[in-house]
Structure formats: C-alpha cells, structure tokens
C-alpha cells in the first residue's frame, strides 16, 4: 500500500519522466531528540524513497511508523507533537546536485541535496549533504542533519522544553534497488 502511495505521489509530479530509477520501501530514518534529562530516540524503517538517474529524489513516510523505546513517548509524539492523525505523512522532494551514476563507486561520494521538506503540514526549503556509493548494483544513501520542531510548527510545551531537544538529529540510510519496471 505504501509503495502505491509513493508511486501515485511521484507520478503526480511534472518532473517525473521516463528514466531509470532506484527505489526502496525500507529506508531507515532515526530521530534523536535526547537531552541530558531524557533519552528520546525513534526509528522508522518503512520509508519509501525513489531516486531518478537525473538526481531527482523523493521520500514519503508515515509518522505513525516511528517506533520509540517507550510506548508513552510514541503516544505523545503522535498525539501531542506531530499530530499524526491530522498530518499522517512527511515527505521530501528534491534534487541531488551534479549527480551522475558515472560518478558513483564503492567509495562514498558527497553531493549537495536541495529541495523541500514537509512535516506537520509545513513545507520548508531544505539543504544538506548526502553520501552515495554503489554496492552490488544498488545505490546506498546516507545523510544526517538537524531539524527544529518550531520550523514545522510542532509545539513543545514549556514544561517539557528541557526534556526534548530544540534541535533534533535526523539520520537517514537507504539501500536503493534498481526499479525492475524500467
């Protein structure tokens, strides 16, 4: 079902043209909002990502797919912060600058990734560095960056301000497999 949603989403974009693509339904996103007072970490292992050979990339995830060590943290995340029932998805649409399959080897190569990131119904311009390499015909992608809840209108109550980091470390890894539909 989630692959169908991603494919439908991508086909609605005018930039999607007939090209070779690499995709996965199991990219992994880790969040770390820990502070000295509280260890807050989550992982989502069901992130849909597609990369076209021209460097255009898109990712889609369901917010409720984040797993926390403590069930109560997960409940608060979904109900009070990201409001998963109201804003069930987060997505990224962008382009890896100067990307070419010919540049990729088994050694990490760094590229600039630019686009727009949408969380909690708010879309912001986004830029980070991404590491890419090939592995047995697949493309492995890794990146990490910081997001601020306030930039996406995620409100943290004053009482919990010292327990939840104001800057959340996001780490992403994906093993993108060549799409057999190409």
Foldseek 3Di string as FASTA:
>chain_A
DVVVVVVVVVVVDPPDDDFWKWKDQFKKKKKFFAFPVATWIWMAGGKIKMAGQQFKIKIKDFLLRIDIPDPVSSVCCCVQFQVCVVWGMKMWTWGFPPGHPVPAAQDWDKTKIWTWIAGSNDIDTDIFIKIWHDDPQWIKIKGKDKDASVNNPGDDDPVCPNGTHRIMIMIIIDTIHTDPVD
